[in-house]
Amino acid sequence: MKIKRKRSGFILLVVLGIISLFAAEMYMLSTDCFALMFRTNDIYLDAVEKNLVLSGLAWSEENKIVNKAIQLELPADFSEESKLEVFFAQSSENKVKVNINAYCILIKQVHQVQKTFLID
């Protein structure tokens, strides 16, 4: 006696549907992960930028060299591409005008800031 089997692709269609749902979910998770990584790097660079500016200001209060631009060496904590430049200019009433340029980079994100301070 021969057994007749009905060839149905129902199970195959269910499996393909589940796989496509998983693929769509993985795509959504990967885009969210990329956005989260970008924002985390942005927050890190903001902190590094603030640290560079405050370091430059602290150094400039100790070393007042008028009419000279100085590029400060940074410790190993900062990336190799980070730069900190301090420029002194004489201002009125015995105050020194300090321009601080900070530049930091992480992967492909770049932060650059220029701040001006008056110190005694």
Foldseek 3Di string as FASTA:
>chain_A
DDDDDDDDCPVVVVVVVVVVVVVVVVVVVVVVVVVVVVVVVVVVVVVVQVVLVVVLVVVCQVDPDAADKDKDDDDPVADPPWTWIWHWHDDPPRKIKIWIWIWGDDDHDIDIDIDIDIGD
